[in-house]
Amino acid sequence: MTISITGVIERKEMGSGAWALVSDSGETYELKNSPPELKQSGLKVTVTGEVREDVMTFAMIGPVLEIKSFELLL
């Protein structure tokens, strides 16, 4: 199921580090295969993707969100 989430990009220093999207409602998603354009803390974005329940990570900071598309917001 594809979802769209608006929030802020953050770098989480768990294990070897992970990129996350903290939604406007406060939920944290670990980003899977983040494009270089999203690897900057503080970016306000809307990300469209799929929550992957079949994927585990070392960081384990929240559901894994596989990015399909994104939009940078001002």
PDB file of N, CA and C in Angstrom:
ATOM      1  N   MET A   1       0.835  -1.179   0.000  1.00  0.00           N
ATOM      2  CA  MET A   1       0.000   0.000   0.000  1.00  0.00           C
ATOM      3  C   MET A   1       0.882   1.245   0.000  1.00  0.00           C
ATOM      4  N   THR A   2       0.633   2.148  -0.908  1.00  0.00           N
ATOM      5  CA  THR A   2       1.410   3.379  -1.019  1.00  0.00           C
ATOM      6  C   THR A   2       0.802   4.456  -0.132  1.00  0.00           C
ATOM      7  N   ILE A   3       1.686   5.159   0.615  1.00  0.00           N
ATOM      8  CA  ILE A   3       1.247   6.240   1.492  1.00  0.00           C
ATOM      9  C   ILE A   3       2.084   7.478   1.227  1.00  0.00           C
ATOM     10  N   SER A   4       1.565   8.639   1.609  1.00  0.00           N
ATOM     11  CA  SER A   4       2.309   9.893   1.532  1.00  0.00           C
ATOM     12  C   SER A   4       2.428  10.461   2.927  1.00  0.00           C
ATOM     13  N   ILE A   5       3.646  10.866   3.305  1.00  0.00           N
ATOM     14  CA  ILE A   5       3.918  11.378   4.637  1.00  0.00           C
ATOM     15  C   ILE A   5       4.674  12.690   4.507  1.00  0.00           C
ATOM     16  N   THR A   6       4.237  13.692   5.241  1.00  0.00           N
ATOM     17  CA  THR A   6       4.917  14.977   5.284  1.00  0.00           C
ATOM     18  C   THR A   6       5.635  15.099   6.615  1.00  0.00           C
ATOM     19  N   GLY A   7       6.887  15.554   6.562  1.00  0.00           N
ATOM     20  CA  GLY A   7       7.657  15.710   7.777  1.00  0.00           C
ATOM     21  C   GLY A   7       9.033  16.281   7.495  1.00  0.00           C
ATOM     22  N   VAL A   8       9.956  16.026   8.427  1.00  0.00           N
ATOM     23  CA  VAL A   8      11.311  16.577   8.367  1.00  0.00           C
ATOM     24  C   VAL A   8      12.321  15.437   8.349  1.00  0.00           C
ATOM     25  N   ILE A   9      13.336  15.572   7.497  1.00  0.00           N
ATOM     26  CA  ILE A   9      14.419  14.599   7.410  1.00  0.00           C
ATOM     27  C   ILE A   9      15.375  14.794   8.590  1.00  0.00           C
ATOM     28  N   GLU A  10      15.767  13.680   9.222  1.00  0.00           N
ATOM     29  CA  GLU A  10      16.736  13.716  10.314  1.00  0.00           C
ATOM     30  C   GLU A  10      17.736  12.589  10.144  1.00  0.00           C
ATOM     31  N   ARG A  11      18.958  12.832  10.598  1.00  0.00           N
ATOM     32  CA  ARG A  11      19.995  11.796  10.648  1.00  0.00           C
ATOM     33  C   ARG A  11      19.985  11.228  12.060  1.00  0.00           C
ATOM     34  N   LYS A  12      19.738   9.933  12.188  1.00  0.00           N
ATOM     35  CA  LYS A  12      19.723   9.259  13.484  1.00  0.00           C
ATOM     36  C   LYS A  12      21.037   8.507  13.648  1.00  0.00           C
ATOM     37  N   GLU A  13      21.704   8.721  14.746  1.00  0.00           N
ATOM     38  CA  GLU A  13      23.017   8.107  14.982  1.00  0.00           C
ATOM     39  C   GLU A  13      22.902   6.800  15.750  1.00  0.00           C
ATOM     40  N   MET A  14      22.074   5.912  15.270  1.00  0.00           N
ATOM     41  CA  MET A  14      21.920   4.576  15.842  1.00  0.00           C
ATOM     42  C   MET A  14      22.781   3.623  15.012  1.00  0.00           C
ATOM     43  N   GLY A  15      23.649   2.856  15.665  1.00  0.00           N
ATOM     44  CA  GLY A  15      24.514   1.946  14.931  1.00  0.00           C
ATOM     45  C   GLY A  15      25.401   2.720  13.980  1.00  0.00           C
ATOM     46  N   SER A  16      25.350   2.360  12.706  1.00  0.00           N
ATOM     47  CA  SER A  16      26.156   3.063  11.702  1.00  0.00           C
ATOM     48  C   SER A  16      25.447   4.314  11.172  1.00  0.00           C
ATOM     49  N   GLY A  17      24.288   4.617  11.722  1.00  0.00           N
ATOM     50  CA  GLY A  17      23.541   5.806  11.312  1.00  0.00           C
ATOM     51  C   GLY A  17      22.456   5.464  10.312  1.00  0.00           C
ATOM     52  N   ALA A  18      21.393   6.258  10.323  1.00  0.00           N
ATOM     53  CA  ALA A  18      20.284   6.025   9.413  1.00  0.00           C
ATOM     54  C   ALA A  18      19.584   7.350   9.130  1.00  0.00           C
ATOM     55  N   TRP A  19      19.002   7.447   7.952  1.00  0.00           N
ATOM     56  CA  TRP A  19      18.202   8.618   7.588  1.00  0.00           C
ATOM     57  C   TRP A  19      16.755   8.323   7.908  1.00  0.00           C
ATOM     58  N   ALA A  20      16.083   9.312   8.496  1.00  0.00           N
ATOM     59  CA  ALA A  20      14.712   9.115   8.943  1.00  0.00           C
ATOM     60  C   ALA A  20      13.834  10.271   8.494  1.00  0.00           C
ATOM     61  N   LEU A  21      12.556   9.983   8.419  1.00  0.00           N
ATOM     62  CA  LEU A  21      11.535  10.997   8.203  1.00  0.00           C
ATOM     63  C   LEU A  21      10.689  11.039   9.464  1.00  0.00           C
ATOM     64  N   VAL A  22      10.692  12.192  10.134  1.00  0.00           N
ATOM     65  CA  VAL A  22       9.845  12.379  11.311  1.00  0.00           C
ATOM     66  C   VAL A  22       8.607  13.121  10.833  1.00  0.00           C
ATOM     67  N   SER A  23       7.479  12.428  10.884  1.00  0.00           N
ATOM     68  CA  SER A  23       6.239  12.985  10.335  1.00  0.00           C
ATOM     69  C   SER A  23       5.740  14.146  11.179  1.00  0.00           C
ATOM     70  N   ASP A  24       4.850  14.939  10.591  1.00  0.00           N
ATOM     71  CA  ASP A  24       4.247  16.056  11.309  1.00  0.00           C
ATOM     72  C   ASP A  24       3.492  15.587  12.550  1.00  0.00           C
ATOM     73  N   SER A  25       3.049  14.323  12.559  1.00  0.00           N
ATOM     74  CA  SER A  25       2.344  13.776  13.717  1.00  0.00           C
ATOM     75  C   SER A  25       3.286  13.143  14.736  1.00  0.00           C
ATOM     76  N   GLY A  26       4.609  13.152  14.432  1.00  0.00           N
ATOM     77  CA  GLY A  26       5.603  12.678  15.389  1.00  0.00           C
ATOM     78  C   GLY A  26       6.109  11.262  15.196  1.00  0.00           C
ATOM     79  N   GLU A  27       5.587  10.529  14.221  1.00  0.00           N
ATOM     80  CA  GLU A  27       6.054   9.164  13.976  1.00  0.00           C
ATOM     81  C   GLU A  27       7.347   9.192  13.164  1.00  0.00           C
ATOM     82  N   THR A  28       8.275   8.293  13.505  1.00  0.00           N
ATOM     83  CA  THR A  28       9.561   8.218  12.814  1.00  0.00           C
ATOM     84  C   THR A  28       9.572   7.027  11.874  1.00  0.00           C
ATOM     85  N   TYR A  29       9.975   7.274  10.622  1.00  0.00           N
ATOM     86  CA  TYR A  29      10.126   6.233   9.609  1.00  0.00           C
ATOM     87  C   TYR A  29      11.581   6.174   9.193  1.00  0.00           C
ATOM     88  N   GLU A  30      12.139   4.978   9.115  1.00  0.00           N
ATOM     89  CA  GLU A  30      13.494   4.822   8.598  1.00  0.00           C
ATOM     90  C   GLU A  30      13.411   4.752   7.077  1.00  0.00           C
ATOM     91  N   LEU A  31      14.189   5.586   6.394  1.00  0.00           N
ATOM     92  CA  LEU A  31      14.124   5.656   4.937  1.00  0.00           C
ATOM     93  C   LEU A  31      14.997   4.601   4.293  1.00  0.00           C
ATOM     94  N   LYS A  32      14.418   3.877   3.358  1.00  0.00           N
ATOM     95  CA  LYS A  32      15.142   2.832   2.618  1.00  0.00           C
ATOM     96  C   LYS A  32      15.574   3.398   1.279  1.00  0.00           C
ATOM     97  N   ASN A  33      16.859   3.252   0.973  1.00  0.00           N
ATOM     98  CA  ASN A  33      17.427   3.703  -0.304  1.00  0.00           C
ATOM     99  C   ASN A  33      17.181   5.197  -0.538  1.00  0.00           C
ATOM    100  N   SER A  34      17.545   6.002   0.440  1.00  0.00           N
ATOM    101  CA  SER A  34      17.363   7.456   0.321  1.00  0.00           C
ATOM    102  C   SER A  34      18.197   8.007  -0.822  1.00  0.00           C
ATOM    103  N   PRO A  35      17.591   8.791  -1.711  1.00  0.00           N
ATOM    104  CA  PRO A  35      18.373   9.442  -2.753  1.00  0.00           C
ATOM    105  C   PRO A  35      19.245  10.533  -2.131  1.00  0.00           C
ATOM    106  N   PRO A  36      20.335  10.908  -2.780  1.00  0.00           N
ATOM    107  CA  PRO A  36      21.241  11.926  -2.231  1.00  0.00           C
ATOM    108  C   PRO A  36      20.546  13.239  -1.882  1.00  0.00           C
ATOM    109  N   GLU A  37      19.522  13.604  -2.630  1.00  0.00           N
ATOM    110  CA  GLU A  37      18.815  14.863  -2.387  1.00  0.00           C
ATOM    111  C   GLU A  37      18.125  14.895  -1.022  1.00  0.00           C
ATOM    112  N   LEU A  38      17.841  13.722  -0.443  1.00  0.00           N
ATOM    113  CA  LEU A  38      17.169  13.660   0.857  1.00  0.00           C
ATOM    114  C   LEU A  38      18.140  13.480   2.025  1.00  0.00           C
ATOM    115  N   LYS A  39      19.414  13.387   1.752  1.00  0.00           N
ATOM    116  CA  LYS A  39      20.388  13.162   2.820  1.00  0.00           C
ATOM    117  C   LYS A  39      20.899  14.485   3.370  1.00  0.00           C
ATOM    118  N   GLN A  40      19.958  15.243   3.955  1.00  0.00           N
ATOM    119  CA  GLN A  40      20.274  16.537   4.557  1.00  0.00           C
ATOM    120  C   GLN A  40      19.278  16.788   5.688  1.00  0.00           C
ATOM    121  N   SER A  41      19.772  16.823   6.913  1.00  0.00           N
ATOM    122  CA  SER A  41      18.902  17.044   8.066  1.00  0.00           C
ATOM    123  C   SER A  41      18.199  18.388   7.960  1.00  0.00           C
ATOM    124  N   GLY A  42      16.938  18.398   8.373  1.00  0.00           N
ATOM    125  CA  GLY A  42      16.175  19.630   8.421  1.00  0.00           C
ATOM    126  C   GLY A  42      15.309  19.896   7.210  1.00  0.00           C
ATOM    127  N   LEU A  43      15.425  19.080   6.164  1.00  0.00           N
ATOM    128  CA  LEU A  43      14.586  19.284   4.972  1.00  0.00           C
ATOM    129  C   LEU A  43      13.133  18.972   5.292  1.00  0.00           C
ATOM    130  N   LYS A  44      12.228  19.831   4.871  1.00  0.00           N
ATOM    131  CA  LYS A  44      10.790  19.586   4.981  1.00  0.00           C
ATOM    132  C   LYS A  44      10.359  18.963   3.665  1.00  0.00           C
ATOM    133  N   VAL A  45       9.746  17.772   3.734  1.00  0.00           N
ATOM    134  CA  VAL A  45       9.417  17.021   2.527  1.00  0.00           C
ATOM    135  C   VAL A  45       8.073  16.306   2.656  1.00  0.00           C
ATOM    136  N   THR A  46       7.558  15.925   1.515  1.00  0.00           N
ATOM    137  CA  THR A  46       6.481  14.943   1.445  1.00  0.00           C
ATOM    138  C   THR A  46       7.049  13.755   0.689  1.00  0.00           C
ATOM    139  N   VAL A  47       7.011  12.588   1.324  1.00  0.00           N
ATOM    140  CA  VAL A  47       7.545  11.368   0.730  1.00  0.00           C
ATOM    141  C   VAL A  47       6.387  10.422   0.442  1.00  0.00           C
ATOM    142  N   THR A  48       6.375   9.863  -0.755  1.00  0.00           N
ATOM    143  CA  THR A  48       5.408   8.834  -1.119  1.00  0.00           C
ATOM    144  C   THR A  48       6.164   7.523  -1.224  1.00  0.00           C
ATOM    145  N   GLY A  49       5.628   6.497  -0.583  1.00  0.00           N
ATOM    146  CA  GLY A  49       6.310   5.218  -0.613  1.00  0.00           C
ATOM    147  C   GLY A  49       5.491   4.121   0.021  1.00  0.00           C
ATOM    148  N   GLU A  50       6.178   3.028   0.305  1.00  0.00           N
ATOM    149  CA  GLU A  50       5.530   1.840   0.848  1.00  0.00           C
ATOM    150  C   GLU A  50       6.234   1.430   2.140  1.00  0.00           C
ATOM    151  N   VAL A  51       5.453   1.204   3.196  1.00  0.00           N
ATOM    152  CA  VAL A  51       6.020   0.696   4.442  1.00  0.00           C
ATOM    153  C   VAL A  51       6.341  -0.781   4.220  1.00  0.00           C
ATOM    154  N   ARG A  52       7.599  -1.132   4.459  1.00  0.00           N
ATOM    155  CA  ARG A  52       8.082  -2.496   4.224  1.00  0.00           C
ATOM    156  C   ARG A  52       8.147  -3.257   5.543  1.00  0.00           C
ATOM    157  N   GLU A  53       7.201  -4.139   5.758  1.00  0.00           N
ATOM    158  CA  GLU A  53       7.171  -4.936   6.974  1.00  0.00           C
ATOM    159  C   GLU A  53       8.062  -6.170   6.865  1.00  0.00           C
ATOM    160  N   ASP A  54       8.596  -6.433   5.670  1.00  0.00           N
ATOM    161  CA  ASP A  54       9.451  -7.598   5.444  1.00  0.00           C
ATOM    162  C   ASP A  54      10.935  -7.254   5.529  1.00  0.00           C
ATOM    163  N   VAL A  55      11.263  -6.035   5.986  1.00  0.00           N
ATOM    164  CA  VAL A  55      12.646  -5.579   6.038  1.00  0.00           C
ATOM    165  C   VAL A  55      13.018  -5.255   7.477  1.00  0.00           C
ATOM    166  N   MET A  56      14.195  -5.728   7.904  1.00  0.00           N
ATOM    167  CA  MET A  56      14.723  -5.390   9.225  1.00  0.00           C
ATOM    168  C   MET A  56      16.007  -4.596   9.038  1.00  0.00           C
ATOM    169  N   THR A  57      16.324  -3.717  10.004  1.00  0.00           N
ATOM    170  CA  THR A  57      17.526  -2.899   9.915  1.00  0.00           C
ATOM    171  C   THR A  57      18.271  -2.933  11.235  1.00  0.00           C
ATOM    172  N   PHE A  58      19.518  -2.484  11.220  1.00  0.00           N
ATOM    173  CA  PHE A  58      20.304  -2.391  12.448  1.00  0.00           C
ATOM    174  C   PHE A  58      19.816  -1.249  13.334  1.00  0.00           C
ATOM    175  N   ALA A  59      19.367  -0.155  12.733  1.00  0.00           N
ATOM    176  CA  ALA A  59      18.966   1.016  13.503  1.00  0.00           C
ATOM    177  C   ALA A  59      17.643   0.783  14.244  1.00  0.00           C
ATOM    178  N   MET A  60      16.699   0.130  13.600  1.00  0.00           N
ATOM    179  CA  MET A  60      15.399  -0.172  14.197  1.00  0.00           C
ATOM    180  C   MET A  60      14.778   1.063  14.872  1.00  0.00           C
ATOM    181  N   ILE A  61      14.672   2.164  14.129  1.00  0.00           N
ATOM    182  CA  ILE A  61      14.151   3.410  14.685  1.00  0.00           C
ATOM    183  C   ILE A  61      12.673   3.627  14.373  1.00  0.00           C
ATOM    184  N   GLY A  62      12.105   2.755  13.570  1.00  0.00           N
ATOM    185  CA  GLY A  62      10.699   2.874  13.204  1.00  0.00           C
ATOM    186  C   GLY A  62      10.423   2.060  11.965  1.00  0.00           C
ATOM    187  N   PRO A  63       9.193   2.113  11.471  1.00  0.00           N
ATOM    188  CA  PRO A  63       8.864   1.379  10.249  1.00  0.00           C
ATOM    189  C   PRO A  63       9.781   1.803   9.104  1.00  0.00           C
ATOM    190  N   VAL A  64      10.116   0.849   8.243  1.00  0.00           N
ATOM    191  CA  VAL A  64      10.975   1.131   7.086  1.00  0.00           C
ATOM    192  C   VAL A  64      10.090   1.613   5.943  1.00  0.00           C
ATOM    193  N   LEU A  65      10.411   2.797   5.424  1.00  0.00           N
ATOM    194  CA  LEU A  65       9.653   3.391   4.327  1.00  0.00           C
ATOM    195  C   LEU A  65      10.499   3.361   3.063  1.00  0.00           C
ATOM    196  N   GLU A  66      10.066   2.574   2.084  1.00  0.00           N
ATOM    197  CA  GLU A  66      10.754   2.523   0.785  1.00  0.00           C
ATOM    198  C   GLU A  66      10.224   3.659  -0.071  1.00  0.00           C
ATOM    199  N   ILE A  67      11.113   4.557  -0.457  1.00  0.00           N
ATOM    200  CA  ILE A  67      10.730   5.778  -1.159  1.00  0.00           C
ATOM    201  C   ILE A  67      10.428   5.495  -2.626  1.00  0.00           C
ATOM    202  N   LYS A  68       9.260   5.964  -3.064  1.00  0.00           N
ATOM    203  CA  LYS A  68       8.893   5.894  -4.485  1.00  0.00           C
ATOM    204  C   LYS A  68       9.088   7.257  -5.145  1.00  0.00           C
ATOM    205  N   SER A  69       8.730   8.322  -4.419  1.00  0.00           N
ATOM    206  CA  SER A  69       8.911   9.682  -4.910  1.00  0.00           C
ATOM    207  C   SER A  69       8.917  10.630  -3.720  1.00  0.00           C
ATOM    208  N   PHE A  70       9.351  11.864  -3.976  1.00  0.00           N
ATOM    209  CA  PHE A  70       9.359  12.865  -2.890  1.00  0.00           C
ATOM    210  C   PHE A  70       9.248  14.253  -3.481  1.00  0.00           C
ATOM    211  N   GLU A  71       8.840  15.179  -2.607  1.00  0.00           N
ATOM    212  CA  GLU A  71       8.735  16.580  -2.987  1.00  0.00           C
ATOM    213  C   GLU A  71       9.327  17.424  -1.876  1.00  0.00           C
ATOM    214  N   LEU A  72      10.268  18.294  -2.222  1.00  0.00           N
ATOM    215  CA  LEU A  72      10.841  19.221  -1.242  1.00  0.00           C
ATOM    216  C   LEU A  72       9.851  20.361  -1.028  1.00  0.00           C
ATOM    217  N   LEU A  73       9.631  20.709   0.234  1.00  0.00           N
ATOM    218  CA  LEU A  73       8.704  21.776   0.587  1.00  0.00           C
ATOM    219  C   LEU A  73       9.476  22.968   1.130  1.00  0.00           C
ATOM    220  N   LEU A  74       8.912  24.148   1.009  1.00  0.00           N
ATOM    221  CA  LEU A  74       9.551  25.353   1.519  1.00  0.00           C
ATOM    222  C   LEU A  74       9.113  25.644   2.926  1.00  0.00           C
TER     223      LEU A  74
END
